[in-house]
Amino acid sequence: MDNAARRRWMIWAGLLAATLVAIVYPVEEDEVELVEVVLAPGAARPLLVKAASVTTPLLVPAAPLLAVADPFAPRNWQAPPPVAAPIPKPVQEAELVGPPPPPPRPAPPALPFRYMGSFNDGGAQVMYLSHDEQTLLARPGDTLEGRYKVLRMDAQHIEFEYLPTGDKQILPIAASE
């Protein structure tokens, strides 16, 4: 082995020995003192720092600490947009706006009756209507199912009044019947 190779092996052996000594004989904690660091105004939290023999608190600015605290925080090169103050409405517009309109009146449901036929009973017209599986007799002035009142009847249609809302509805009668 030549001298250069022998010198390299000696350097490597020395480094290995220094590493083993550092592992076996660690620095004892009695020699290191924990000191609380006082942060600048507006900082989020205090930080503990290892120091040899510091008797006064250290003053650390808050901005670098916050940048180090979260390395994965989103970064942006542009300044944030300015916050715009809400624009007040002119007085004239506010005075013109009145209360909201009332909700629209509900429409009556579709007529549940179907025309089946008619009968002339001694001058009084009687209409036969079906509702579901029932057959009903209807004369002018009758109330059917407590919700529909028969107003008028003629050869072309029957006029009903939906009693809960007072709306008028017409049931057409087919011309062929």
C-alpha atoms as a PDB file:
ATOM      1  CA  MET A   1       0.000   0.000   0.000  1.00  0.00           C
ATOM      2  CA  ASP A   2       1.358   3.397  -0.911  1.00  0.00           C
ATOM      3  CA  ASN A   3       1.542   6.410   1.411  1.00  0.00           C
ATOM      4  CA  ALA A   4      -1.506   8.202  -0.037  1.00  0.00           C
ATOM      5  CA  ALA A   5      -3.732   5.201   0.496  1.00  0.00           C
ATOM      6  CA  ARG A   6      -2.393   4.726   4.018  1.00  0.00           C
ATOM      7  CA  ARG A   7      -3.105   8.394   4.810  1.00  0.00           C
ATOM      8  CA  ARG A   8      -6.732   8.096   3.544  1.00  0.00           C
ATOM      9  CA  TRP A   9      -7.296   5.005   5.742  1.00  0.00           C
ATOM     10  CA  MET A  10      -5.931   6.847   8.768  1.00  0.00           C
ATOM     11  CA  ILE A  11      -8.267   9.794   8.143  1.00  0.00           C
ATOM     12  CA  TRP A  12     -11.279   7.458   7.803  1.00  0.00           C
ATOM     13  CA  ALA A  13     -10.323   5.580  10.958  1.00  0.00           C
ATOM     14  CA  GLY A  14      -9.957   8.862  12.876  1.00  0.00           C
ATOM     15  CA  LEU A  15     -13.388  10.065  11.732  1.00  0.00           C
ATOM     16  CA  LEU A  16     -14.934   6.721  12.689  1.00  0.00           C
ATOM     17  CA  ALA A  17     -13.367   6.907  16.158  1.00  0.00           C
ATOM     18  CA  ALA A  18     -14.618  10.500  16.646  1.00  0.00           C
ATOM     19  CA  THR A  19     -18.142   9.415  15.661  1.00  0.00           C
ATOM     20  CA  LEU A  20     -18.108   6.508  18.119  1.00  0.00           C
ATOM     21  CA  VAL A  21     -16.874   8.772  20.931  1.00  0.00           C
ATOM     22  CA  ALA A  22     -19.652  11.293  20.170  1.00  0.00           C
ATOM     23  CA  ILE A  23     -22.253   8.508  20.328  1.00  0.00           C
ATOM     24  CA  VAL A  24     -20.971   6.902  23.516  1.00  0.00           C
ATOM     25  CA  TYR A  25     -20.316  10.098  25.464  1.00  0.00           C
ATOM     26  CA  PRO A  26     -23.255  12.483  24.741  1.00  0.00           C
ATOM     27  CA  VAL A  27     -23.371  15.967  26.229  1.00  0.00           C
ATOM     28  CA  GLU A  28     -25.118  15.864  29.572  1.00  0.00           C
ATOM     29  CA  GLU A  29     -28.284  17.934  30.042  1.00  0.00           C
ATOM     30  CA  ASP A  30     -26.875  19.657  33.118  1.00  0.00           C
ATOM     31  CA  GLU A  31     -24.591  21.633  30.862  1.00  0.00           C
ATOM     32  CA  VAL A  32     -27.445  22.952  28.682  1.00  0.00           C
ATOM     33  CA  GLU A  33     -30.072  25.284  30.092  1.00  0.00           C
ATOM     34  CA  LEU A  34     -33.516  25.855  28.530  1.00  0.00           C
ATOM     35  CA  VAL A  35     -34.381  29.538  28.217  1.00  0.00           C
ATOM     36  CA  GLU A  36     -37.786  30.975  27.303  1.00  0.00           C
ATOM     37  CA  VAL A  37     -37.675  33.378  24.406  1.00  0.00           C
ATOM     38  CA  VAL A  38     -39.953  36.418  24.533  1.00  0.00           C
ATOM     39  CA  LEU A  39     -41.495  37.086  21.145  1.00  0.00           C
ATOM     40  CA  ALA A  40     -42.130  40.441  19.577  1.00  0.00           C
ATOM     41  CA  PRO A  41     -45.662  41.918  20.004  1.00  0.00           C
ATOM     42  CA  GLY A  42     -48.286  40.075  17.964  1.00  0.00           C
ATOM     43  CA  ALA A  43     -46.397  36.753  18.004  1.00  0.00           C
ATOM     44  CA  ALA A  44     -48.368  33.553  18.285  1.00  0.00           C
ATOM     45  CA  ARG A  45     -46.550  31.516  20.969  1.00  0.00           C
ATOM     46  CA  PRO A  46     -43.341  31.370  23.044  1.00  0.00           C
ATOM     47  CA  LEU A  47     -40.420  29.228  21.898  1.00  0.00           C
ATOM     48  CA  LEU A  48     -37.917  27.246  23.991  1.00  0.00           C
ATOM     49  CA  VAL A  49     -34.288  27.590  22.916  1.00  0.00           C
ATOM     50  CA  LYS A  50     -31.205  25.646  24.128  1.00  0.00           C
ATOM     51  CA  ALA A  51     -28.468  27.986  25.308  1.00  0.00           C
ATOM     52  CA  ALA A  52     -25.238  27.478  27.267  1.00  0.00           C
ATOM     53  CA  SER A  53     -25.643  30.100  29.985  1.00  0.00           C
ATOM     54  CA  VAL A  54     -28.041  32.864  28.967  1.00  0.00           C
ATOM     55  CA  THR A  55     -29.520  34.813  31.845  1.00  0.00           C
ATOM     56  CA  THR A  56     -31.777  37.236  29.933  1.00  0.00           C
ATOM     57  CA  PRO A  57     -34.648  36.346  27.580  1.00  0.00           C
ATOM     58  CA  LEU A  58     -34.003  36.742  23.886  1.00  0.00           C
ATOM     59  CA  LEU A  59     -36.217  38.967  21.726  1.00  0.00           C
ATOM     60  CA  VAL A  60     -37.106  37.232  18.460  1.00  0.00           C
ATOM     61  CA  PRO A  61     -39.182  38.904  15.742  1.00  0.00           C
ATOM     62  CA  ALA A  62     -42.506  37.190  15.040  1.00  0.00           C
ATOM     63  CA  ALA A  63     -42.388  37.120  11.226  1.00  0.00           C
ATOM     64  CA  PRO A  64     -39.440  34.702  10.795  1.00  0.00           C
ATOM     65  CA  LEU A  65     -40.851  32.437  13.508  1.00  0.00           C
ATOM     66  CA  LEU A  66     -44.205  32.189  11.734  1.00  0.00           C
ATOM     67  CA  ALA A  67     -42.482  31.505   8.409  1.00  0.00           C
ATOM     68  CA  VAL A  68     -40.489  28.675  10.004  1.00  0.00           C
ATOM     69  CA  ALA A  69     -43.467  27.354  11.982  1.00  0.00           C
ATOM     70  CA  ASP A  70     -45.388  26.151   8.915  1.00  0.00           C
ATOM     71  CA  PRO A  71     -43.156  25.270   5.956  1.00  0.00           C
ATOM     72  CA  PHE A  72     -46.160  23.971   3.976  1.00  0.00           C
ATOM     73  CA  ALA A  73     -48.278  27.112   4.236  1.00  0.00           C
ATOM     74  CA  PRO A  74     -49.340  28.497   0.830  1.00  0.00           C
ATOM     75  CA  ARG A  75     -47.120  31.274  -0.434  1.00  0.00           C
ATOM     76  CA  ASN A  76     -48.023  33.980  -2.931  1.00  0.00           C
ATOM     77  CA  TRP A  77     -45.874  36.628  -4.556  1.00  0.00           C
ATOM     78  CA  GLN A  78     -48.760  39.025  -5.004  1.00  0.00           C
ATOM     79  CA  ALA A  79     -50.168  41.149  -2.228  1.00  0.00           C
ATOM     80  CA  PRO A  80     -53.689  40.208  -1.062  1.00  0.00           C
ATOM     81  CA  PRO A  81     -56.458  42.285  -2.658  1.00  0.00           C
ATOM     82  CA  PRO A  82     -57.633  45.242  -0.611  1.00  0.00           C
ATOM     83  CA  VAL A  83     -60.822  44.764   1.352  1.00  0.00           C
ATOM     84  CA  ALA A  84     -63.508  47.026  -0.055  1.00  0.00           C
ATOM     85  CA  ALA A  85     -65.968  48.701   2.262  1.00  0.00           C
ATOM     86  CA  PRO A  86     -69.659  48.106   1.418  1.00  0.00           C
ATOM     87  CA  ILE A  87     -71.227  50.894  -0.577  1.00  0.00           C
ATOM     88  CA  PRO A  88     -74.253  52.406   1.213  1.00  0.00           C
ATOM     89  CA  LYS A  89     -77.492  52.623  -0.750  1.00  0.00           C
ATOM     90  CA  PRO A  90     -78.791  56.079  -1.656  1.00  0.00           C
ATOM     91  CA  VAL A  91     -81.591  57.353   0.547  1.00  0.00           C
ATOM     92  CA  GLN A  92     -84.012  57.756  -2.363  1.00  0.00           C
ATOM     93  CA  GLU A  93     -83.739  54.109  -3.349  1.00  0.00           C
ATOM     94  CA  ALA A  94     -84.264  52.956   0.221  1.00  0.00           C
ATOM     95  CA  GLU A  95     -87.409  55.079   0.536  1.00  0.00           C
ATOM     96  CA  LEU A  96     -88.905  53.689  -2.708  1.00  0.00           C
ATOM     97  CA  VAL A  97     -88.583  50.076  -1.636  1.00  0.00           C
ATOM     98  CA  GLY A  98     -91.705  49.056   0.248  1.00  0.00           C
ATOM     99  CA  PRO A  99     -92.708  45.876   2.004  1.00  0.00           C
ATOM    100  CA  PRO A 100     -92.548  42.701  -0.091  1.00  0.00           C
ATOM    101  CA  PRO A 101     -95.732  41.779  -1.950  1.00  0.00           C
ATOM    102  CA  PRO A 102     -97.982  39.201  -0.309  1.00  0.00           C
ATOM    103  CA  PRO A 103     -97.538  35.624  -1.521  1.00  0.00           C
ATOM    104  CA  PRO A 104     -99.795  34.603  -4.404  1.00  0.00           C
ATOM    105  CA  ARG A 105    -103.110  33.046  -3.484  1.00  0.00           C
ATOM    106  CA  PRO A 106    -103.061  29.259  -3.875  1.00  0.00           C
ATOM    107  CA  ALA A 107    -104.984  27.902  -6.834  1.00  0.00           C
ATOM    108  CA  PRO A 108    -107.802  25.468  -6.120  1.00  0.00           C
ATOM    109  CA  PRO A 109    -107.142  21.819  -6.930  1.00  0.00           C
ATOM    110  CA  ALA A 110    -108.390  20.338 -10.169  1.00  0.00           C
ATOM    111  CA  LEU A 111    -112.009  19.214 -10.138  1.00  0.00           C
ATOM    112  CA  PRO A 112    -112.187  15.588  -8.978  1.00  0.00           C
ATOM    113  CA  PHE A 113    -115.496  14.941 -10.806  1.00  0.00           C
ATOM    114  CA  ARG A 114    -116.269  13.427 -14.186  1.00  0.00           C
ATOM    115  CA  TYR A 115    -119.552  13.927 -16.036  1.00  0.00           C
ATOM    116  CA  MET A 116    -121.488  10.681 -16.541  1.00  0.00           C
ATOM    117  CA  GLY A 117    -124.922  11.813 -17.668  1.00  0.00           C
ATOM    118  CA  SER A 118    -127.998  13.890 -16.885  1.00  0.00           C
ATOM    119  CA  PHE A 119    -131.662  13.345 -16.052  1.00  0.00           C
ATOM    120  CA  ASN A 120    -134.636  15.685 -16.085  1.00  0.00           C
ATOM    121  CA  ASP A 121    -136.632  15.016 -12.899  1.00  0.00           C
ATOM    122  CA  GLY A 122    -139.958  16.813 -13.301  1.00  0.00           C
ATOM    123  CA  GLY A 123    -138.424  20.040 -14.572  1.00  0.00           C
ATOM    124  CA  ALA A 124    -135.362  19.934 -12.321  1.00  0.00           C
ATOM    125  CA  GLN A 125    -132.114  19.047 -14.030  1.00  0.00           C
ATOM    126  CA  VAL A 126    -130.011  16.349 -12.241  1.00  0.00           C
ATOM    127  CA  MET A 127    -126.447  15.556 -13.313  1.00  0.00           C
ATOM    128  CA  TYR A 128    -124.678  12.265 -12.604  1.00  0.00           C
ATOM    129  CA  LEU A 129    -121.018  12.755 -11.673  1.00  0.00           C
ATOM    130  CA  SER A 130    -118.378  10.194 -10.772  1.00  0.00           C
ATOM    131  CA  HIS A 131    -115.663  10.675  -8.175  1.00  0.00           C
ATOM    132  CA  ASP A 132    -113.271   7.755  -7.628  1.00  0.00           C
ATOM    133  CA  GLU A 133    -115.635   4.760  -7.447  1.00  0.00           C
ATOM    134  CA  GLN A 134    -118.729   6.751  -6.358  1.00  0.00           C
ATOM    135  CA  THR A 135    -121.624   8.113  -8.386  1.00  0.00           C
ATOM    136  CA  LEU A 136    -122.971  11.476  -7.162  1.00  0.00           C
ATOM    137  CA  LEU A 137    -126.202  13.288  -8.002  1.00  0.00           C
ATOM    138  CA  ALA A 138    -125.762  17.040  -8.478  1.00  0.00           C
ATOM    139  CA  ARG A 139    -128.446  19.756  -8.531  1.00  0.00           C
ATOM    140  CA  PRO A 140    -127.939  23.541  -8.456  1.00  0.00           C
ATOM    141  CA  GLY A 141    -127.267  24.612  -4.845  1.00  0.00           C
ATOM    142  CA  ASP A 142    -125.983  21.189  -3.674  1.00  0.00           C
ATOM    143  CA  THR A 143    -122.684  20.895  -1.826  1.00  0.00           C
ATOM    144  CA  LEU A 144    -120.544  17.918  -2.839  1.00  0.00           C
ATOM    145  CA  GLU A 145    -118.004  16.422  -0.431  1.00  0.00           C
ATOM    146  CA  GLY A 146    -118.231  19.537   1.752  1.00  0.00           C
ATOM    147  CA  ARG A 147    -115.878  21.475  -0.543  1.00  0.00           C
ATOM    148  CA  TYR A 148    -117.660  22.056  -3.853  1.00  0.00           C
ATOM    149  CA  LYS A 149    -120.975  23.873  -4.316  1.00  0.00           C
ATOM    150  CA  VAL A 150    -122.896  23.489  -7.583  1.00  0.00           C
ATOM    151  CA  LEU A 151    -123.779  27.000  -8.850  1.00  0.00           C
ATOM    152  CA  ARG A 152    -125.183  26.503 -12.359  1.00  0.00           C
ATOM    153  CA  MET A 153    -125.761  23.708 -14.846  1.00  0.00           C
ATOM    154  CA  ASP A 154    -126.546  23.805 -18.536  1.00  0.00           C
ATOM    155  CA  ALA A 155    -126.026  21.593 -21.580  1.00  0.00           C
ATOM    156  CA  GLN A 156    -122.349  22.671 -22.101  1.00  0.00           C
ATOM    157  CA  HIS A 157    -120.866  22.903 -18.554  1.00  0.00           C
ATOM    158  CA  ILE A 158    -121.378  22.722 -14.780  1.00  0.00           C
ATOM    159  CA  GLU A 159    -120.104  25.625 -12.656  1.00  0.00           C
ATOM    160  CA  PHE A 160    -118.720  24.853  -9.161  1.00  0.00           C
ATOM    161  CA  GLU A 161    -117.500  27.065  -6.322  1.00  0.00           C
ATOM    162  CA  TYR A 162    -114.513  25.766  -4.332  1.00  0.00           C
ATOM    163  CA  LEU A 163    -115.674  26.699  -0.820  1.00  0.00           C
ATOM    164  CA  PRO A 164    -112.290  27.017   1.002  1.00  0.00           C
ATOM    165  CA  THR A 165    -111.095  29.802  -1.351  1.00  0.00           C
ATOM    166  CA  GLY A 166    -114.291  30.929  -3.095  1.00  0.00           C
ATOM    167  CA  ASP A 167    -112.846  30.264  -6.570  1.00  0.00           C
ATOM    168  CA  LYS A 168    -115.178  29.301  -9.397  1.00  0.00           C
ATOM    169  CA  GLN A 169    -114.414  26.251 -11.549  1.00  0.00           C
ATOM    170  CA  ILE A 170    -116.128  24.878 -14.645  1.00  0.00           C
ATOM    171  CA  LEU A 171    -116.536  21.228 -15.624  1.00  0.00           C
ATOM    172  CA  PRO A 172    -117.162  21.016 -19.400  1.00  0.00           C
ATOM    173  CA  ILE A 173    -119.652  18.523 -20.741  1.00  0.00           C
ATOM    174  CA  ALA A 174    -118.834  16.798 -24.027  1.00  0.00           C
ATOM    175  CA  ALA A 175    -121.086  17.911 -26.897  1.00  0.00           C
ATOM    176  CA  SER A 176    -121.628  14.348 -28.178  1.00  0.00           C
ATOM    177  CA  GLU A 177    -123.282  13.234 -24.953  1.00  0.00           C
END
